[in-house]
Amino acid sequence: MSEGLGEWDDDLDGTTAEPAEDDGDAPELFYANVAEFVGEKLAPTYRRHINPGGGITWCPQWWKHAEAISRLEALWRAWEFLRLEGATGMSVWWRDHADHHMSVLLTADGPFKGCSPDDGHKSKLLPLPCEEPPPGLF
């Protein structure tokens, strides 16, 4: 395990950004947060046979994976927006959002590699290696 990695795979420290100012015109959220969305909507709806050896895996502590948090937050926010798009909103959500992100998350070589619903959170994947770019390049 790399130095600097704590309990969280991606060195998450539990802090959250300050909430954005309340937009009075924004529709009310159906789910209060991403955890509620995953627990009450996504997990019961997006059912798959979990078989880490066969290519599909999931971590019951998905919130310990920064990539999963980001992808699931994107799924939740897209769902909140598209649920209000009457005729094709949910179809667009499934096709363009859920199927794409869940395929990445559930793949045996994805962010949950080494984790399983039975054995829990195990993986400690290292960040991609990066070198500092030359000064003035950006």
Protein backbone atom coordinates (compact mmCIF):
# COMPACT_ATOMS: atom_id res chain seq x y z
CA MET A 1 0.00 0.00 0.00
CA SER A 2 1.30 3.45 -0.87
CA GLU A 3 2.22 5.88 1.84
CA GLY A 4 -0.51 8.41 2.44
CA LEU A 5 -3.40 6.05 1.75
CA GLY A 6 -5.54 5.79 4.82
CA GLU A 7 -8.75 3.89 5.39
CA TRP A 8 -10.12 5.24 2.11
CA ASP A 9 -8.80 4.00 -1.23
CA ASP A 10 -8.42 7.48 -2.56
CA ASP A 11 -7.30 9.26 0.61
CA LEU A 12 -10.74 10.71 1.23
CA ASP A 13 -10.78 12.74 4.41
CA GLY A 14 -14.54 12.94 4.96
CA THR A 15 -14.70 16.68 4.29
CA THR A 16 -17.30 18.03 1.94
CA ALA A 17 -17.46 21.15 -0.14
CA GLU A 18 -19.59 24.03 1.03
CA PRO A 19 -23.13 23.70 -0.32
CA ALA A 20 -23.99 25.92 -3.25
CA GLU A 21 -26.32 28.82 -2.66
CA ASP A 22 -29.96 27.79 -2.74
CA ASP A 23 -31.44 28.23 -6.20
CA GLY A 24 -35.10 29.01 -5.62
CA ASP A 25 -35.95 28.02 -9.21
CA ALA A 26 -34.42 24.54 -9.00
CA PRO A 27 -36.89 21.66 -8.61
CA GLU A 28 -36.92 19.87 -5.27
CA LEU A 29 -34.74 16.77 -5.14
CA PHE A 30 -36.50 13.43 -4.85
CA TYR A 31 -33.54 11.88 -2.98
CA ALA A 32 -31.70 13.95 -0.38
CA ASN A 33 -28.23 12.65 -1.29
CA VAL A 34 -26.31 10.10 -3.32
CA ALA A 35 -26.35 7.50 -0.51
CA GLU A 36 -30.14 7.63 -0.36
CA PHE A 37 -30.32 7.37 -4.17
CA VAL A 38 -27.99 4.34 -4.27
CA GLY A 39 -29.71 2.57 -1.36
CA GLU A 40 -33.32 3.27 -2.25
CA LYS A 41 -33.31 3.47 -6.05
CA LEU A 42 -30.19 2.23 -7.81
CA ALA A 43 -29.28 -0.91 -5.83
CA PRO A 44 -32.84 -2.31 -5.73
CA THR A 45 -33.40 -1.49 -9.41
CA TYR A 46 -30.03 -2.31 -11.04
CA ARG A 47 -29.92 -6.00 -10.10
CA ARG A 48 -27.05 -8.15 -11.31
CA HIS A 49 -25.52 -11.47 -10.33
CA ILE A 50 -22.26 -10.45 -8.66
CA ASN A 51 -19.46 -12.79 -9.71
CA PRO A 52 -16.01 -11.21 -9.26
CA GLY A 53 -14.34 -14.15 -11.05
CA GLY A 54 -16.86 -13.86 -13.88
CA GLY A 55 -16.43 -10.19 -14.52
CA ILE A 56 -18.98 -8.42 -12.30
CA THR A 57 -18.12 -7.05 -8.88
CA TRP A 58 -19.50 -4.54 -6.37
CA CYS A 59 -18.30 -3.07 -3.10
CA PRO A 60 -20.87 -2.79 -0.31
CA GLN A 61 -18.80 0.15 0.95
CA TRP A 62 -18.89 1.92 -2.41
CA TRP A 63 -18.45 5.24 -0.60
CA LYS A 64 -14.83 4.29 0.15
CA HIS A 65 -13.99 4.64 -3.56
CA ALA A 66 -13.60 8.19 -4.90
CA GLU A 67 -14.35 7.09 -8.47
CA ALA A 68 -17.54 5.37 -7.36
CA ILE A 69 -18.66 8.42 -5.40
CA SER A 70 -18.09 10.63 -8.43
CA ARG A 71 -19.83 8.29 -10.88
CA LEU A 72 -22.76 7.55 -8.57
CA GLU A 73 -23.17 11.24 -7.77
CA ALA A 74 -23.29 11.91 -11.53
CA LEU A 75 -25.91 9.15 -11.92
CA TRP A 76 -28.01 10.59 -9.12
CA ARG A 77 -27.86 14.14 -10.44
CA ALA A 78 -28.68 13.01 -13.99
CA TRP A 79 -31.60 10.96 -12.64
CA GLU A 80 -32.92 13.96 -10.67
CA PHE A 81 -32.86 16.07 -13.84
CA LEU A 82 -34.12 13.48 -16.31
CA ARG A 83 -36.97 12.20 -14.10
CA LEU A 84 -38.69 15.48 -14.94
CA GLU A 85 -38.32 14.93 -18.72
CA GLY A 86 -41.64 13.20 -19.30
CA ALA A 87 -41.62 11.10 -22.46
CA THR A 88 -38.03 9.88 -22.80
CA GLY A 89 -36.19 11.12 -19.72
CA MET A 90 -35.82 7.74 -18.05
CA SER A 91 -34.83 6.04 -21.29
CA VAL A 92 -32.10 8.63 -21.80
CA TRP A 93 -30.97 8.15 -18.20
CA TRP A 94 -30.70 4.38 -18.60
CA ARG A 95 -29.02 4.51 -22.01
CA ASP A 96 -26.64 7.45 -21.54
CA HIS A 97 -25.96 7.37 -17.81
CA ALA A 98 -26.84 4.23 -15.84
CA ASP A 99 -25.68 1.63 -18.34
CA HIS A 100 -22.45 3.50 -19.04
CA HIS A 101 -21.37 4.23 -15.46
CA MET A 102 -22.58 0.96 -13.97
CA SER A 103 -20.71 -1.01 -16.65
CA VAL A 104 -17.50 0.75 -15.60
CA LEU A 105 -18.18 0.37 -11.87
CA LEU A 106 -19.18 -3.29 -12.02
CA THR A 107 -16.36 -4.54 -14.23
CA ALA A 108 -13.96 -6.93 -12.48
CA ASP A 109 -11.05 -4.61 -13.29
CA GLY A 110 -12.85 -1.43 -12.20
CA PRO A 111 -12.64 0.55 -8.98
CA PHE A 112 -14.15 -2.30 -6.92
CA LYS A 113 -11.45 -4.80 -7.94
CA GLY A 114 -10.80 -7.06 -4.96
CA CYS A 115 -14.05 -6.13 -3.21
CA SER A 116 -17.15 -8.31 -2.99
CA PRO A 117 -20.56 -8.22 -1.34
CA ASP A 118 -19.57 -11.27 0.76
CA ASP A 119 -16.06 -10.23 1.80
CA GLY A 120 -16.63 -6.47 1.77
CA HIS A 121 -14.15 -3.75 0.98
CA LYS A 122 -10.68 -5.14 0.29
CA SER A 123 -9.08 -3.30 -2.61
CA LYS A 124 -6.44 -0.67 -2.18
CA LEU A 125 -5.83 0.39 -5.77
CA LEU A 126 -3.09 2.97 -6.16
CA PRO A 127 -3.63 6.27 -7.98
CA LEU A 128 -2.35 6.49 -11.53
CA PRO A 129 1.29 7.59 -11.55
CA CYS A 130 1.78 11.23 -12.53
CA GLU A 131 4.80 13.40 -13.08
CA GLU A 132 4.87 17.17 -12.69
CA PRO A 133 4.59 18.84 -16.13
CA PRO A 134 7.35 21.23 -17.23
CA PRO A 135 7.00 24.77 -15.86
CA GLY A 136 5.01 27.05 -18.15
CA LEU A 137 3.40 24.23 -20.15
CA PHE A 138 -0.06 25.08 -18.85
